């Protein structure tokens, strides 16, 4: 039994059936779906293509769902980029009324 996994991330450049079949034939056995980008319908379409590719190749592959977790995003800053120096104090707030 093969223990090494080859993970292929599916995205706009690799979302057609022919490409997915070629990836499986080349050894990919797990397909990653990055939920930080795209919507659920888009990912469902790719998952359905992977199922079709499984039927064509006769191989079973796994799905890796990279779900969007906690993130820190910043808003537009008054002066563009922010530069920090060693020793600067940084406060992170969820208060949208604070302007950067």
N, C-alpha and C. Protein backbone atom coordinates (compact mmCIF):
# COMPACT_ATOMS: atom_id res chain seq x y z
N UNK A 1 0.84 -1.18 0.00
CA UNK A 1 0.00 0.00 0.00
C UNK A 1 0.89 1.25 0.00
N UNK A 2 0.59 2.16 -0.87
CA UNK A 2 1.33 3.41 -0.98
C UNK A 2 1.00 4.31 0.21
N UNK A 3 2.02 4.75 0.95
CA UNK A 3 1.79 5.59 2.11
C UNK A 3 2.00 7.07 1.82
N UNK A 4 2.80 7.38 0.82
CA UNK A 4 3.06 8.77 0.48
C UNK A 4 1.87 9.33 -0.27
N UNK A 5 1.45 10.53 0.11
CA UNK A 5 0.33 11.20 -0.56
C UNK A 5 0.87 12.32 -1.43
N UNK A 6 0.31 12.42 -2.61
CA UNK A 6 0.63 13.54 -3.50
C UNK A 6 -0.62 14.40 -3.54
N UNK A 7 -0.50 15.60 -2.98
CA UNK A 7 -1.64 16.50 -2.86
C UNK A 7 -1.59 17.52 -3.99
N UNK A 8 -2.67 17.63 -4.73
CA UNK A 8 -2.79 18.62 -5.81
C UNK A 8 -3.88 19.61 -5.43
N UNK A 9 -3.54 20.89 -5.46
CA UNK A 9 -4.54 21.92 -5.19
C UNK A 9 -5.27 22.23 -6.48
N UNK A 10 -6.59 22.15 -6.42
CA UNK A 10 -7.39 22.48 -7.60
C UNK A 10 -7.81 23.94 -7.54
N UNK A 11 -7.64 24.61 -8.66
CA UNK A 11 -8.03 26.01 -8.76
C UNK A 11 -8.38 26.33 -10.20
N UNK A 12 -8.47 27.60 -10.54
CA UNK A 12 -8.89 27.99 -11.88
C UNK A 12 -8.06 27.37 -13.01
N UNK A 13 -6.77 27.16 -12.80
CA UNK A 13 -5.91 26.62 -13.86
C UNK A 13 -5.98 25.11 -13.97
N UNK A 14 -6.63 24.46 -13.01
CA UNK A 14 -6.66 22.99 -13.03
C UNK A 14 -8.07 22.47 -12.78
N UNK A 15 -9.05 23.12 -13.36
CA UNK A 15 -10.44 22.78 -13.07
C UNK A 15 -11.17 22.09 -14.21
N UNK A 16 -10.44 21.51 -15.14
CA UNK A 16 -11.13 20.80 -16.22
C UNK A 16 -10.87 19.30 -16.06
N UNK A 17 -11.78 18.51 -16.59
CA UNK A 17 -11.73 17.06 -16.42
C UNK A 17 -10.43 16.46 -16.95
N UNK A 18 -9.98 16.89 -18.11
CA UNK A 18 -8.76 16.35 -18.70
C UNK A 18 -7.55 16.55 -17.79
N UNK A 19 -7.42 17.75 -17.23
CA UNK A 19 -6.30 18.04 -16.34
C UNK A 19 -6.37 17.19 -15.08
N UNK A 20 -7.56 17.04 -14.51
CA UNK A 20 -7.71 16.25 -13.29
C UNK A 20 -7.38 14.78 -13.56
N UNK A 21 -7.82 14.26 -14.69
CA UNK A 21 -7.48 12.88 -15.07
C UNK A 21 -5.96 12.73 -15.18
N UNK A 22 -5.30 13.69 -15.83
CA UNK A 22 -3.85 13.63 -15.98
C UNK A 22 -3.14 13.69 -14.63
N UNK A 23 -3.66 14.50 -13.71
CA UNK A 23 -3.07 14.59 -12.37
C UNK A 23 -3.17 13.25 -11.65
N UNK A 24 -4.32 12.60 -11.75
CA UNK A 24 -4.49 11.28 -11.11
C UNK A 24 -3.55 10.26 -11.75
N UNK A 25 -3.48 10.27 -13.07
CA UNK A 25 -2.60 9.33 -13.77
C UNK A 25 -1.13 9.58 -13.44
N UNK A 26 -0.79 10.83 -13.09
CA UNK A 26 0.59 11.17 -12.72
C UNK A 26 0.89 10.84 -11.26
N UNK A 27 -0.13 10.41 -10.52
CA UNK A 27 0.11 9.99 -9.14
C UNK A 27 -0.59 10.77 -8.05
N UNK A 28 -1.29 11.84 -8.40
CA UNK A 28 -2.01 12.59 -7.38
C UNK A 28 -3.07 11.69 -6.75
N UNK A 29 -3.11 11.67 -5.43
CA UNK A 29 -4.13 10.85 -4.77
C UNK A 29 -4.92 11.60 -3.71
N UNK A 30 -4.67 12.91 -3.59
CA UNK A 30 -5.46 13.79 -2.73
C UNK A 30 -5.63 15.11 -3.47
N UNK A 31 -6.85 15.64 -3.46
CA UNK A 31 -7.11 16.94 -4.08
C UNK A 31 -7.52 17.92 -3.00
N UNK A 32 -6.80 19.06 -2.98
CA UNK A 32 -7.03 20.10 -1.98
C UNK A 32 -7.93 21.17 -2.57
N UNK A 33 -8.89 21.59 -1.75
CA UNK A 33 -9.81 22.65 -2.13
C UNK A 33 -9.61 23.80 -1.14
N UNK A 34 -9.16 24.94 -1.61
CA UNK A 34 -8.85 26.08 -0.75
C UNK A 34 -10.09 26.96 -0.62
N UNK A 35 -10.79 26.82 0.50
CA UNK A 35 -12.03 27.55 0.71
C UNK A 35 -11.82 29.01 1.08
N UNK A 36 -10.56 29.46 1.15
CA UNK A 36 -10.31 30.89 1.34
C UNK A 36 -10.57 31.64 0.04
N UNK A 37 -10.64 30.91 -1.05
CA UNK A 37 -10.90 31.50 -2.37
C UNK A 37 -12.04 30.73 -3.02
N UNK A 38 -12.83 31.41 -3.82
CA UNK A 38 -13.94 30.75 -4.50
C UNK A 38 -15.14 30.58 -3.58
N UNK A 39 -16.23 30.11 -4.15
CA UNK A 39 -17.43 29.87 -3.34
C UNK A 39 -17.75 28.38 -3.33
N UNK A 40 -18.76 28.02 -2.55
CA UNK A 40 -19.09 26.61 -2.38
C UNK A 40 -19.52 25.94 -3.69
N UNK A 41 -20.26 26.66 -4.52
CA UNK A 41 -20.70 26.10 -5.80
C UNK A 41 -19.51 25.79 -6.71
N UNK A 42 -18.55 26.68 -6.72
CA UNK A 42 -17.35 26.49 -7.53
C UNK A 42 -16.60 25.23 -7.08
N UNK A 43 -16.45 25.07 -5.76
CA UNK A 43 -15.75 23.89 -5.23
C UNK A 43 -16.55 22.61 -5.47
N UNK A 44 -17.86 22.70 -5.36
CA UNK A 44 -18.70 21.52 -5.63
C UNK A 44 -18.53 21.07 -7.07
N UNK A 45 -18.46 22.02 -8.00
CA UNK A 45 -18.23 21.68 -9.40
C UNK A 45 -16.92 20.95 -9.60
N UNK A 46 -15.87 21.41 -8.91
CA UNK A 46 -14.57 20.74 -9.01
C UNK A 46 -14.62 19.35 -8.39
N UNK A 47 -15.33 19.22 -7.27
CA UNK A 47 -15.45 17.90 -6.62
C UNK A 47 -16.16 16.92 -7.54
N UNK A 48 -17.19 17.38 -8.22
CA UNK A 48 -17.90 16.51 -9.16
C UNK A 48 -16.99 16.08 -10.31
N UNK A 49 -16.13 16.98 -10.77
CA UNK A 49 -15.17 16.62 -11.82
C UNK A 49 -14.19 15.57 -11.32
N UNK A 50 -13.77 15.68 -10.06
CA UNK A 50 -12.86 14.68 -9.49
C UNK A 50 -13.55 13.32 -9.45
N UNK A 51 -14.83 13.29 -9.08
CA UNK A 51 -15.57 12.02 -9.07
C UNK A 51 -15.65 11.42 -10.48
N UNK A 52 -15.85 12.27 -11.48
CA UNK A 52 -15.86 11.79 -12.87
C UNK A 52 -14.49 11.23 -13.24
N UNK A 53 -13.43 11.93 -12.83
CA UNK A 53 -12.07 11.48 -13.13
C UNK A 53 -11.77 10.15 -12.44
N UNK A 54 -12.32 9.94 -11.25
CA UNK A 54 -12.14 8.66 -10.56
C UNK A 54 -12.74 7.52 -11.38
N UNK A 55 -13.91 7.77 -11.95
CA UNK A 55 -14.57 6.74 -12.78
C UNK A 55 -13.74 6.44 -14.02
N UNK A 56 -13.20 7.48 -14.64
CA UNK A 56 -12.41 7.30 -15.86
C UNK A 56 -11.12 6.53 -15.57
N UNK A 57 -10.45 6.87 -14.47
CA UNK A 57 -9.15 6.26 -14.16
C UNK A 57 -9.27 4.96 -13.37
N UNK A 58 -10.42 4.74 -12.76
CA UNK A 58 -10.59 3.56 -11.91
C UNK A 58 -9.85 3.67 -10.59
N UNK A 59 -9.46 4.89 -10.22
CA UNK A 59 -8.73 5.11 -8.98
C UNK A 59 -9.57 5.97 -8.03
N UNK A 60 -9.39 5.72 -6.74
CA UNK A 60 -10.08 6.51 -5.72
C UNK A 60 -9.09 7.50 -5.13
N UNK A 61 -9.51 8.74 -4.99
CA UNK A 61 -8.65 9.78 -4.42
C UNK A 61 -9.35 10.40 -3.21
N UNK A 62 -8.59 11.14 -2.43
CA UNK A 62 -9.14 11.81 -1.26
C UNK A 62 -9.34 13.29 -1.51
N UNK A 63 -10.17 13.88 -0.66
CA UNK A 63 -10.39 15.33 -0.70
C UNK A 63 -9.79 15.93 0.57
N UNK A 64 -9.11 17.04 0.42
CA UNK A 64 -8.59 17.81 1.54
C UNK A 64 -9.25 19.18 1.47
N UNK A 65 -10.09 19.47 2.45
CA UNK A 65 -10.80 20.75 2.46
C UNK A 65 -10.06 21.71 3.37
N UNK A 66 -9.45 22.70 2.76
CA UNK A 66 -8.72 23.72 3.51
C UNK A 66 -9.72 24.82 3.80
N UNK A 67 -10.37 24.71 4.96
CA UNK A 67 -11.44 25.65 5.28
C UNK A 67 -10.88 26.97 5.77
N UNK A 68 -11.66 27.98 5.52
CA UNK A 68 -11.27 29.33 5.91
C UNK A 68 -11.39 29.44 7.43
N UNK A 69 -10.28 29.61 8.08
CA UNK A 69 -10.27 29.73 9.53
C UNK A 69 -10.15 31.18 9.97
N UNK A 70 -9.81 31.36 11.21
CA UNK A 70 -9.66 32.71 11.76
C UNK A 70 -8.55 33.45 11.01
N UNK A 71 -8.81 34.70 10.70
CA UNK A 71 -7.84 35.52 10.00
C UNK A 71 -7.81 36.91 10.60
N UNK A 72 -6.71 37.55 10.48
CA UNK A 72 -6.64 38.96 10.85
C UNK A 72 -6.46 39.74 9.56
N UNK A 73 -7.39 40.62 9.30
CA UNK A 73 -7.32 41.47 8.11
C UNK A 73 -7.24 42.91 8.58
N UNK A 74 -6.56 43.72 7.82
CA UNK A 74 -6.47 45.12 8.18
C UNK A 74 -7.29 45.94 7.19
N UNK A 75 -7.59 47.13 7.59
CA UNK A 75 -8.32 48.04 6.73
C UNK A 75 -7.32 48.96 6.03
N UNK A 76 -7.79 49.79 5.17
CA UNK A 76 -6.92 50.75 4.49
C UNK A 76 -6.35 51.71 5.53
N UNK A 77 -5.07 51.94 5.44
CA UNK A 77 -4.40 52.82 6.39
C UNK A 77 -4.32 54.23 5.83
N UNK A 78 -4.35 55.20 6.72
CA UNK A 78 -4.32 56.61 6.31
C UNK A 78 -3.11 56.94 5.44
N UNK A 79 -1.98 56.38 5.79
CA UNK A 79 -0.75 56.73 5.08
C UNK A 79 -0.19 55.56 4.28
N UNK A 80 -1.05 54.67 3.84
CA UNK A 80 -0.58 53.54 3.05
C UNK A 80 -0.01 52.44 3.91
N UNK A 81 1.21 52.02 3.62
CA UNK A 81 1.85 50.93 4.36
C UNK A 81 2.20 51.36 5.78
N UNK A 82 2.24 50.37 6.65
CA UNK A 82 2.65 50.61 8.03
C UNK A 82 4.03 50.00 8.21
N UNK A 83 4.92 50.74 8.81
CA UNK A 83 6.27 50.25 9.07
C UNK A 83 6.44 50.11 10.58
N UNK A 84 6.94 48.97 11.00
CA UNK A 84 7.17 48.70 12.41
C UNK A 84 8.66 48.62 12.67
N UNK A 85 9.03 49.04 13.87
CA UNK A 85 10.42 48.93 14.31
C UNK A 85 10.46 48.02 15.53
N UNK A 86 11.60 47.45 15.79
CA UNK A 86 11.77 46.60 16.96
C UNK A 86 11.39 47.41 18.20
N UNK A 87 10.54 46.83 19.03
CA UNK A 87 10.12 47.49 20.26
C UNK A 87 8.81 48.25 20.13
N UNK A 88 8.30 48.45 18.90
CA UNK A 88 7.01 49.11 18.74
C UNK A 88 5.91 48.29 19.38
N UNK A 89 4.93 48.98 19.93
CA UNK A 89 3.76 48.31 20.52
C UNK A 89 2.66 48.28 19.47
N UNK A 90 2.05 47.12 19.29
CA UNK A 90 0.99 46.95 18.31
C UNK A 90 -0.26 46.49 19.04
N UNK A 91 -1.38 47.15 18.79
CA UNK A 91 -2.65 46.75 19.38
C UNK A 91 -3.58 46.30 18.27
N UNK A 92 -4.18 45.15 18.48
CA UNK A 92 -5.13 44.61 17.50
C UNK A 92 -6.52 44.76 18.08
N UNK A 93 -7.42 45.33 17.30
CA UNK A 93 -8.77 45.59 17.78
C UNK A 93 -9.79 45.14 16.74
N UNK A 94 -10.94 44.74 17.23
CA UNK A 94 -12.06 44.39 16.34
C UNK A 94 -13.00 45.57 16.17
N UNK A 95 -12.65 46.72 16.71
CA UNK A 95 -13.48 47.91 16.68
C UNK A 95 -13.31 48.62 15.33
N UNK A 96 -14.34 48.54 14.48
CA UNK A 96 -14.26 49.14 13.15
C UNK A 96 -14.25 50.66 13.16
N UNK A 97 -14.59 51.26 14.30
CA UNK A 97 -14.61 52.72 14.35
C UNK A 97 -13.21 53.32 14.48
N UNK A 98 -12.24 52.49 14.80
CA UNK A 98 -10.85 52.97 14.92
C UNK A 98 -10.24 53.05 13.53
N UNK A 99 -9.69 54.21 13.22
CA UNK A 99 -9.04 54.39 11.92
C UNK A 99 -7.54 54.22 12.08
N UNK A 100 -6.93 53.56 11.08
CA UNK A 100 -5.49 53.29 11.16
C UNK A 100 -4.64 54.42 10.70
